[in-house]
Amino acid sequence: MRIVDQIPNDFCRITLFEWNDKYLIKFERGPVELTYKVSQMEVFNPEDLKEFIDKQFLEDALSQLNHMEDTLGSAFNRYL
């Protein structure tokens, strides 16, 4: 797996990887991460992949990260 690029963002870290004929879009924030896999047959190069990550995609991914953080926090509260 190799890093193709990073997309600057104030809300999370976004890293693009290339691996096994796929691009991986990885969102990281705090203790959670979310990864999407996109076939290189659908998106041919990393520059196209950056366009694929539009405002709505980013908002939806951030919403998922929020939910994941809430889920993890709830689990810790039950555990402790």
N, C-alpha and C. Protein backbone atom coordinates (compact mmCIF):
# COMPACT_ATOMS: atom_id res chain seq x y z
N MET A 1 0.86 -1.17 0.00
CA MET A 1 0.00 0.00 0.00
C MET A 1 0.91 1.23 0.00
N ARG A 2 0.54 2.18 -0.83
CA ARG A 2 1.34 3.41 -0.87
C ARG A 2 0.43 4.63 -0.77
N ILE A 3 0.95 5.67 -0.14
CA ILE A 3 0.21 6.93 -0.03
C ILE A 3 0.30 7.65 -1.36
N VAL A 4 -0.85 8.02 -1.89
CA VAL A 4 -0.92 8.76 -3.15
C VAL A 4 -0.95 10.26 -2.89
N ASP A 5 -1.72 10.66 -1.87
CA ASP A 5 -1.86 12.08 -1.59
C ASP A 5 -2.55 12.27 -0.25
N GLN A 6 -2.52 13.49 0.24
CA GLN A 6 -3.31 13.89 1.40
C GLN A 6 -4.10 15.12 1.01
N ILE A 7 -5.32 15.18 1.50
CA ILE A 7 -6.19 16.31 1.19
C ILE A 7 -6.32 17.16 2.45
N PRO A 8 -5.88 18.41 2.39
CA PRO A 8 -5.97 19.27 3.57
C PRO A 8 -7.43 19.47 4.00
N ASN A 9 -7.61 19.44 5.31
CA ASN A 9 -8.96 19.58 5.85
C ASN A 9 -8.84 19.97 7.31
N ASP A 10 -9.72 20.85 7.79
CA ASP A 10 -9.68 21.30 9.18
C ASP A 10 -10.36 20.33 10.15
N PHE A 11 -11.15 19.39 9.64
CA PHE A 11 -11.99 18.56 10.49
C PHE A 11 -11.46 17.16 10.72
N CYS A 12 -10.61 16.68 9.82
CA CYS A 12 -10.06 15.34 9.94
C CYS A 12 -8.88 15.21 8.98
N ARG A 13 -8.16 14.11 9.09
CA ARG A 13 -7.08 13.82 8.15
C ARG A 13 -7.65 12.97 7.03
N ILE A 14 -7.38 13.35 5.80
CA ILE A 14 -7.84 12.58 4.64
C ILE A 14 -6.60 12.14 3.87
N THR A 15 -6.43 10.82 3.75
CA THR A 15 -5.28 10.27 3.05
C THR A 15 -5.77 9.36 1.94
N LEU A 16 -5.16 9.49 0.78
CA LEU A 16 -5.49 8.64 -0.36
C LEU A 16 -4.37 7.61 -0.54
N PHE A 17 -4.77 6.35 -0.64
CA PHE A 17 -3.82 5.26 -0.82
C PHE A 17 -4.12 4.54 -2.14
N GLU A 18 -3.12 3.83 -2.62
CA GLU A 18 -3.30 2.94 -3.77
C GLU A 18 -2.90 1.55 -3.30
N TRP A 19 -3.79 0.57 -3.55
CA TRP A 19 -3.52 -0.78 -3.06
C TRP A 19 -4.41 -1.79 -3.79
N ASN A 20 -3.83 -2.84 -4.33
CA ASN A 20 -4.57 -3.93 -4.98
C ASN A 20 -5.60 -3.45 -6.00
N ASP A 21 -5.19 -2.62 -6.92
CA ASP A 21 -6.06 -2.09 -7.97
C ASP A 21 -7.24 -1.28 -7.43
N LYS A 22 -7.04 -0.71 -6.24
CA LYS A 22 -8.07 0.13 -5.63
C LYS A 22 -7.43 1.39 -5.09
N TYR A 23 -8.23 2.42 -4.99
CA TYR A 23 -7.85 3.59 -4.22
C TYR A 23 -8.59 3.50 -2.90
N LEU A 24 -7.90 3.80 -1.82
CA LEU A 24 -8.53 3.85 -0.51
C LEU A 24 -8.57 5.30 -0.07
N ILE A 25 -9.73 5.73 0.39
CA ILE A 25 -9.93 7.07 0.91
C ILE A 25 -10.10 6.91 2.42
N LYS A 26 -9.13 7.36 3.17
CA LYS A 26 -9.14 7.14 4.62
C LYS A 26 -9.34 8.47 5.35
N PHE A 27 -10.38 8.52 6.17
CA PHE A 27 -10.68 9.66 7.02
C PHE A 27 -10.29 9.27 8.45
N GLU A 28 -9.52 10.11 9.12
CA GLU A 28 -9.10 9.82 10.49
C GLU A 28 -9.37 11.03 11.38
N ARG A 29 -9.91 10.74 12.55
CA ARG A 29 -10.09 11.79 13.55
C ARG A 29 -10.10 11.13 14.92
N GLY A 30 -9.19 11.57 15.77
CA GLY A 30 -9.11 11.01 17.11
C GLY A 30 -8.96 9.50 17.06
N PRO A 31 -9.80 8.78 17.81
CA PRO A 31 -9.66 7.34 17.91
C PRO A 31 -10.40 6.54 16.82
N VAL A 32 -10.97 7.23 15.84
CA VAL A 32 -11.74 6.51 14.81
C VAL A 32 -11.21 6.81 13.41
N GLU A 33 -11.45 5.85 12.53
CA GLU A 33 -11.10 6.05 11.13
C GLU A 33 -12.14 5.35 10.26
N LEU A 34 -12.31 5.89 9.07
CA LEU A 34 -13.30 5.41 8.12
C LEU A 34 -12.62 5.29 6.77
N THR A 35 -12.74 4.14 6.13
CA THR A 35 -12.07 3.92 4.85
C THR A 35 -13.07 3.49 3.79
N TYR A 36 -12.98 4.13 2.64
CA TYR A 36 -13.77 3.75 1.47
C TYR A 36 -12.82 3.19 0.43
N LYS A 37 -13.24 2.13 -0.25
CA LYS A 37 -12.45 1.54 -1.33
C LYS A 37 -13.13 1.83 -2.66
N VAL A 38 -12.33 2.32 -3.62
CA VAL A 38 -12.85 2.66 -4.94
C VAL A 38 -11.99 1.96 -5.98
N SER A 39 -12.60 1.20 -6.85
CA SER A 39 -11.88 0.49 -7.89
C SER A 39 -11.18 1.46 -8.84
N GLN A 40 -9.98 1.11 -9.24
CA GLN A 40 -9.27 1.93 -10.22
C GLN A 40 -9.91 1.82 -11.60
N MET A 41 -10.83 0.90 -11.77
CA MET A 41 -11.58 0.80 -13.02
C MET A 41 -12.66 1.89 -13.08
N GLU A 42 -13.08 2.38 -11.92
CA GLU A 42 -14.11 3.41 -11.86
C GLU A 42 -13.53 4.82 -11.82
N VAL A 43 -12.43 4.97 -11.12
CA VAL A 43 -11.74 6.26 -11.01
C VAL A 43 -10.31 5.99 -11.44
N PHE A 44 -9.88 6.62 -12.52
CA PHE A 44 -8.64 6.22 -13.18
C PHE A 44 -7.37 6.81 -12.59
N ASN A 45 -7.46 7.95 -11.93
CA ASN A 45 -6.23 8.52 -11.37
C ASN A 45 -6.54 9.32 -10.10
N PRO A 46 -5.52 9.59 -9.32
CA PRO A 46 -5.74 10.28 -8.04
C PRO A 46 -6.36 11.67 -8.18
N GLU A 47 -6.07 12.35 -9.26
CA GLU A 47 -6.68 13.68 -9.45
C GLU A 47 -8.19 13.57 -9.61
N ASP A 48 -8.65 12.54 -10.34
CA ASP A 48 -10.10 12.31 -10.46
C ASP A 48 -10.69 11.95 -9.11
N LEU A 49 -9.93 11.22 -8.32
CA LEU A 49 -10.41 10.81 -7.01
C LEU A 49 -10.66 12.02 -6.11
N LYS A 50 -9.82 13.04 -6.23
CA LYS A 50 -10.02 14.26 -5.45
C LYS A 50 -11.33 14.94 -5.82
N GLU A 51 -11.70 14.92 -7.09
CA GLU A 51 -12.97 15.50 -7.52
C GLU A 51 -14.15 14.66 -7.01
N PHE A 52 -13.94 13.36 -6.88
CA PHE A 52 -14.94 12.43 -6.38
C PHE A 52 -15.34 12.80 -4.95
N ILE A 53 -14.39 13.33 -4.18
CA ILE A 53 -14.64 13.70 -2.79
C ILE A 53 -15.15 15.14 -2.77
N ASP A 54 -16.41 15.29 -3.10
CA ASP A 54 -17.02 16.62 -3.13
C ASP A 54 -17.53 17.01 -1.74
N LYS A 55 -18.15 18.16 -1.65
CA LYS A 55 -18.64 18.69 -0.38
C LYS A 55 -19.61 17.72 0.30
N GLN A 56 -20.53 17.14 -0.45
CA GLN A 56 -21.51 16.22 0.13
C GLN A 56 -20.84 14.95 0.65
N PHE A 57 -19.90 14.42 -0.12
CA PHE A 57 -19.17 13.22 0.31
C PHE A 57 -18.46 13.50 1.63
N LEU A 58 -17.79 14.64 1.71
CA LEU A 58 -17.07 15.01 2.92
C LEU A 58 -18.03 15.18 4.10
N GLU A 59 -19.14 15.86 3.90
CA GLU A 59 -20.13 16.03 4.98
C GLU A 59 -20.65 14.69 5.47
N ASP A 60 -20.94 13.78 4.56
CA ASP A 60 -21.44 12.45 4.94
C ASP A 60 -20.38 11.66 5.71
N ALA A 61 -19.13 11.74 5.26
CA ALA A 61 -18.05 11.04 5.95
C ALA A 61 -17.86 11.60 7.36
N LEU A 62 -17.90 12.92 7.49
CA LEU A 62 -17.77 13.53 8.82
C LEU A 62 -18.91 13.14 9.74
N SER A 63 -20.10 13.02 9.19
CA SER A 63 -21.25 12.55 9.97
C SER A 63 -21.01 11.13 10.48
N GLN A 64 -20.46 10.29 9.61
CA GLN A 64 -20.14 8.92 10.02
C GLN A 64 -19.08 8.91 11.12
N LEU A 65 -18.05 9.76 11.00
CA LEU A 65 -17.03 9.84 12.04
C LEU A 65 -17.65 10.27 13.36
N ASN A 66 -18.56 11.24 13.33
CA ASN A 66 -19.26 11.67 14.55
C ASN A 66 -19.99 10.50 15.19
N HIS A 67 -20.70 9.75 14.36
CA HIS A 67 -21.45 8.59 14.87
C HIS A 67 -20.51 7.55 15.46
N MET A 68 -19.39 7.30 14.81
CA MET A 68 -18.43 6.33 15.31
C MET A 68 -17.84 6.78 16.65
N GLU A 69 -17.55 8.08 16.79
CA GLU A 69 -17.04 8.60 18.06
C GLU A 69 -18.08 8.44 19.16
N ASP A 70 -19.35 8.72 18.85
CA ASP A 70 -20.43 8.55 19.82
C ASP A 70 -20.56 7.09 20.24
N THR A 71 -20.48 6.18 19.27
CA THR A 71 -20.59 4.75 19.55
C THR A 71 -19.46 4.30 20.46
N LEU A 72 -18.25 4.73 20.16
CA LEU A 72 -17.09 4.37 20.98
C LEU A 72 -17.22 4.96 22.38
N GLY A 73 -17.64 6.22 22.47
CA GLY A 73 -17.82 6.85 23.77
C GLY A 73 -18.88 6.14 24.62
N SER A 74 -19.97 5.75 23.99
CA SER A 74 -21.03 5.03 24.71
C SER A 74 -20.52 3.69 25.22
N ALA A 75 -19.73 3.01 24.41
CA ALA A 75 -19.18 1.72 24.82
C ALA A 75 -18.25 1.89 26.02
N PHE A 76 -17.42 2.93 25.99
CA PHE A 76 -16.53 3.20 27.13
C PHE A 76 -17.34 3.53 28.38
N ASN A 77 -18.40 4.31 28.24
CA ASN A 77 -19.24 4.65 29.40
C ASN A 77 -19.87 3.40 30.01
N ARG A 78 -20.29 2.47 29.19
CA ARG A 78 -20.87 1.22 29.72
C ARG A 78 -19.79 0.37 30.37
N TYR A 79 -18.61 0.40 29.81
CA TYR A 79 -17.50 -0.42 30.30
C TYR A 79 -16.98 0.10 31.63
N LEU A 80 -16.88 1.42 31.75
CA LEU A 80 -16.31 2.01 32.97
C LEU A 80 -17.34 2.11 34.01
